[in-house]
């Protein structure tokens, strides 16, 4: 893919501009169909290119920076603890990251629903 094509894709999909971690963007469900299609494509590409090919999680420094994308210190500690149990591949580390986040997110949604029902 040429630089112009990549630039066009990024421009088309642009949701915000800023520094790394600046104003972590939260996308809420349901996503717009265009965003959902792009998200599903990029999620797969992220694992293949960034996690596997570039081996993003191969160093402690990169793992620690990646953990900063999680919303709470407690969740970061849980993922860090899981990662330390044995030697994992980058893909396995990412799987643990996603599973822990999804579990946390499901619990947060239930808490929010209970609070909403009481109000």
C-alpha atoms as a PDB file:
ATOM      1  CA  UNK A   1       0.000   0.000   0.000  1.00  0.00           C
ATOM      2  CA  UNK A   2       1.461   3.376  -0.959  1.00  0.00           C
ATOM      3  CA  UNK A   3       1.901   6.206   1.545  1.00  0.00           C
ATOM      4  CA  UNK A   4      -0.908   8.129  -0.158  1.00  0.00           C
ATOM      5  CA  UNK A   5      -3.259   5.173   0.208  1.00  0.00           C
ATOM      6  CA  UNK A   6      -2.329   4.712   3.870  1.00  0.00           C
ATOM      7  CA  UNK A   7      -2.841   8.410   4.469  1.00  0.00           C
ATOM      8  CA  UNK A   8      -6.267   8.258   2.825  1.00  0.00           C
ATOM      9  CA  UNK A   9      -7.297   5.294   5.000  1.00  0.00           C
ATOM     10  CA  UNK A  10      -6.150   7.037   8.174  1.00  0.00           C
ATOM     11  CA  UNK A  11      -7.860  10.262   7.156  1.00  0.00           C
ATOM     12  CA  UNK A  12     -11.089   8.394   6.415  1.00  0.00           C
ATOM     13  CA  UNK A  13     -10.977   6.629   9.769  1.00  0.00           C
ATOM     14  CA  UNK A  14      -9.690   9.554  11.829  1.00  0.00           C
ATOM     15  CA  UNK A  15     -11.588   9.927  15.071  1.00  0.00           C
ATOM     16  CA  UNK A  16      -9.284  12.245  16.936  1.00  0.00           C
ATOM     17  CA  UNK A  17      -5.849  13.745  17.053  1.00  0.00           C
ATOM     18  CA  UNK A  18      -3.444  13.875  19.949  1.00  0.00           C
ATOM     19  CA  UNK A  19      -0.455  12.460  21.681  1.00  0.00           C
ATOM     20  CA  UNK A  20      -0.127   8.877  22.719  1.00  0.00           C
ATOM     21  CA  UNK A  21      -2.465   8.295  25.671  1.00  0.00           C
ATOM     22  CA  UNK A  22      -3.690  11.928  25.558  1.00  0.00           C
ATOM     23  CA  UNK A  23      -7.398  11.824  26.263  1.00  0.00           C
ATOM     24  CA  UNK A  24      -7.793   8.073  25.811  1.00  0.00           C
ATOM     25  CA  UNK A  25     -10.754   7.843  23.489  1.00  0.00           C
ATOM     26  CA  UNK A  26     -13.685   5.679  24.482  1.00  0.00           C
ATOM     27  CA  UNK A  27     -15.894   4.342  21.736  1.00  0.00           C
ATOM     28  CA  UNK A  28     -19.303   3.278  22.928  1.00  0.00           C
ATOM     29  CA  UNK A  29     -21.540   0.580  21.522  1.00  0.00           C
ATOM     30  CA  UNK A  30     -23.192   0.314  19.191  1.00  0.00           C
ATOM     31  CA  UNK A  31     -20.515   1.552  16.836  1.00  0.00           C
ATOM     32  CA  UNK A  32     -21.425   3.194  13.577  1.00  0.00           C
ATOM     33  CA  UNK A  33     -21.328   0.458  10.878  1.00  0.00           C
ATOM     34  CA  UNK A  34     -18.329   2.092   9.161  1.00  0.00           C
ATOM     35  CA  UNK A  35     -16.421   2.259  12.442  1.00  0.00           C
ATOM     36  CA  UNK A  36     -17.333  -1.327  13.314  1.00  0.00           C
ATOM     37  CA  UNK A  37     -16.049  -2.591   9.962  1.00  0.00           C
ATOM     38  CA  UNK A  38     -12.802  -0.642  10.290  1.00  0.00           C
ATOM     39  CA  UNK A  39     -12.394  -1.665  13.936  1.00  0.00           C
ATOM     40  CA  UNK A  40     -12.741  -5.378  13.145  1.00  0.00           C
ATOM     41  CA  UNK A  41     -10.258  -5.121  10.289  1.00  0.00           C
ATOM     42  CA  UNK A  42      -7.720  -3.138  12.306  1.00  0.00           C
ATOM     43  CA  UNK A  43      -8.039  -5.400  15.343  1.00  0.00           C
ATOM     44  CA  UNK A  44      -6.900  -8.363  13.259  1.00  0.00           C
ATOM     45  CA  UNK A  45      -4.153  -6.353  11.573  1.00  0.00           C
ATOM     46  CA  UNK A  46      -2.955  -5.001  14.921  1.00  0.00           C
ATOM     47  CA  UNK A  47      -2.353  -8.506  16.233  1.00  0.00           C
ATOM     48  CA  UNK A  48      -0.673  -9.724  13.047  1.00  0.00           C
ATOM     49  CA  UNK A  49       1.514  -6.692  12.371  1.00  0.00           C
ATOM     50  CA  UNK A  50       2.158  -4.967  15.692  1.00  0.00           C
ATOM     51  CA  UNK A  51       1.940  -7.778  18.236  1.00  0.00           C
ATOM     52  CA  UNK A  52       3.407 -10.631  16.147  1.00  0.00           C
ATOM     53  CA  UNK A  53       5.538  -9.155  13.347  1.00  0.00           C
ATOM     54  CA  UNK A  54       6.930  -6.204  15.322  1.00  0.00           C
ATOM     55  CA  UNK A  55       6.921  -8.191  18.579  1.00  0.00           C
ATOM     56  CA  UNK A  56       5.637  -5.184  20.514  1.00  0.00           C
ATOM     57  CA  UNK A  57       5.412  -6.962  23.859  1.00  0.00           C
ATOM     58  CA  UNK A  58       8.888  -8.514  23.752  1.00  0.00           C
ATOM     59  CA  UNK A  59      10.465  -6.008  26.133  1.00  0.00           C
ATOM     60  CA  UNK A  60       9.507  -4.978  29.645  1.00  0.00           C
ATOM     61  CA  UNK A  61       9.498  -1.294  28.679  1.00  0.00           C
ATOM     62  CA  UNK A  62       7.006  -1.887  25.877  1.00  0.00           C
ATOM     63  CA  UNK A  63       4.826  -4.078  28.078  1.00  0.00           C
ATOM     64  CA  UNK A  64       4.687  -1.398  30.771  1.00  0.00           C
ATOM     65  CA  UNK A  65       3.766   1.307  28.262  1.00  0.00           C
ATOM     66  CA  UNK A  66       1.104  -0.955  26.772  1.00  0.00           C
ATOM     67  CA  UNK A  67      -0.411  -1.523  30.218  1.00  0.00           C
ATOM     68  CA  UNK A  68      -1.008   2.230  30.512  1.00  0.00           C
ATOM     69  CA  UNK A  69      -3.892   1.844  28.069  1.00  0.00           C
ATOM     70  CA  UNK A  70      -5.860  -0.031  30.720  1.00  0.00           C
ATOM     71  CA  UNK A  71      -8.248   2.225  32.667  1.00  0.00           C
ATOM     72  CA  UNK A  72      -7.298   1.372  36.269  1.00  0.00           C
ATOM     73  CA  UNK A  73      -4.161   0.639  38.269  1.00  0.00           C
ATOM     74  CA  UNK A  74      -5.836  -2.447  39.737  1.00  0.00           C
ATOM     75  CA  UNK A  75      -6.492  -3.854  36.257  1.00  0.00           C
ATOM     76  CA  UNK A  76      -2.903  -3.082  35.183  1.00  0.00           C
ATOM     77  CA  UNK A  77      -1.661  -4.966  38.247  1.00  0.00           C
ATOM     78  CA  UNK A  78      -3.883  -7.962  37.447  1.00  0.00           C
ATOM     79  CA  UNK A  79      -2.584  -8.158  33.880  1.00  0.00           C
ATOM     80  CA  UNK A  80       1.027  -7.664  35.014  1.00  0.00           C
ATOM     81  CA  UNK A  81       0.562 -10.482  37.545  1.00  0.00           C
ATOM     82  CA  UNK A  82      -0.848 -12.830  34.883  1.00  0.00           C
ATOM     83  CA  UNK A  83       2.028 -11.977  32.541  1.00  0.00           C
ATOM     84  CA  UNK A  84       4.612 -12.786  35.210  1.00  0.00           C
ATOM     85  CA  UNK A  85       3.393 -16.350  35.808  1.00  0.00           C
ATOM     86  CA  UNK A  86       5.436 -17.808  32.950  1.00  0.00           C
ATOM     87  CA  UNK A  87       7.174 -16.927  29.683  1.00  0.00           C
ATOM     88  CA  UNK A  88       4.502 -16.059  27.111  1.00  0.00           C
ATOM     89  CA  UNK A  89       4.691 -15.144  23.439  1.00  0.00           C
ATOM     90  CA  UNK A  90       3.569 -11.650  22.457  1.00  0.00           C
ATOM     91  CA  UNK A  91       0.336 -13.052  21.085  1.00  0.00           C
ATOM     92  CA  UNK A  92      -0.364 -14.836  24.396  1.00  0.00           C
ATOM     93  CA  UNK A  93       0.422 -11.654  26.351  1.00  0.00           C
ATOM     94  CA  UNK A  94      -2.012  -9.737  24.183  1.00  0.00           C
ATOM     95  CA  UNK A  95      -4.686 -12.426  24.621  1.00  0.00           C
ATOM     96  CA  UNK A  96      -4.317 -12.151  28.418  1.00  0.00           C
ATOM     97  CA  UNK A  97      -4.513  -8.346  28.167  1.00  0.00           C
ATOM     98  CA  UNK A  98      -7.742  -8.530  26.155  1.00  0.00           C
ATOM     99  CA  UNK A  99      -9.333 -11.229  28.326  1.00  0.00           C
ATOM    100  CA  UNK A 100      -8.617  -9.350  31.550  1.00  0.00           C
ATOM    101  CA  UNK A 101      -9.920  -6.106  30.078  1.00  0.00           C
ATOM    102  CA  UNK A 102     -13.101  -7.732  28.767  1.00  0.00           C
ATOM    103  CA  UNK A 103     -13.748  -9.371  32.138  1.00  0.00           C
ATOM    104  CA  UNK A 104     -13.228  -6.035  33.912  1.00  0.00           C
ATOM    105  CA  UNK A 105     -15.434  -4.228  31.382  1.00  0.00           C
ATOM    106  CA  UNK A 106     -18.277  -6.728  31.795  1.00  0.00           C
ATOM    107  CA  UNK A 107     -18.167  -6.229  35.585  1.00  0.00           C
ATOM    108  CA  UNK A 108     -18.173  -2.447  35.169  1.00  0.00           C
ATOM    109  CA  UNK A 109     -21.219  -2.633  32.893  1.00  0.00           C
ATOM    110  CA  UNK A 110     -23.098  -4.726  35.477  1.00  0.00           C
ATOM    111  CA  UNK A 111     -22.221  -2.221  38.207  1.00  0.00           C
ATOM    112  CA  UNK A 112     -23.416   0.625  35.987  1.00  0.00           C
ATOM    113  CA  UNK A 113     -26.676  -1.175  35.222  1.00  0.00           C
ATOM    114  CA  UNK A 114     -27.325  -1.782  38.930  1.00  0.00           C
ATOM    115  CA  UNK A 115     -26.686   1.900  39.728  1.00  0.00           C
ATOM    116  CA  UNK A 116     -28.973   2.925  36.867  1.00  0.00           C
ATOM    117  CA  UNK A 117     -31.748   0.646  38.110  1.00  0.00           C
ATOM    118  CA  UNK A 118     -31.578   2.158  41.628  1.00  0.00           C
ATOM    119  CA  UNK A 119     -31.783   5.745  40.386  1.00  0.00           C
END
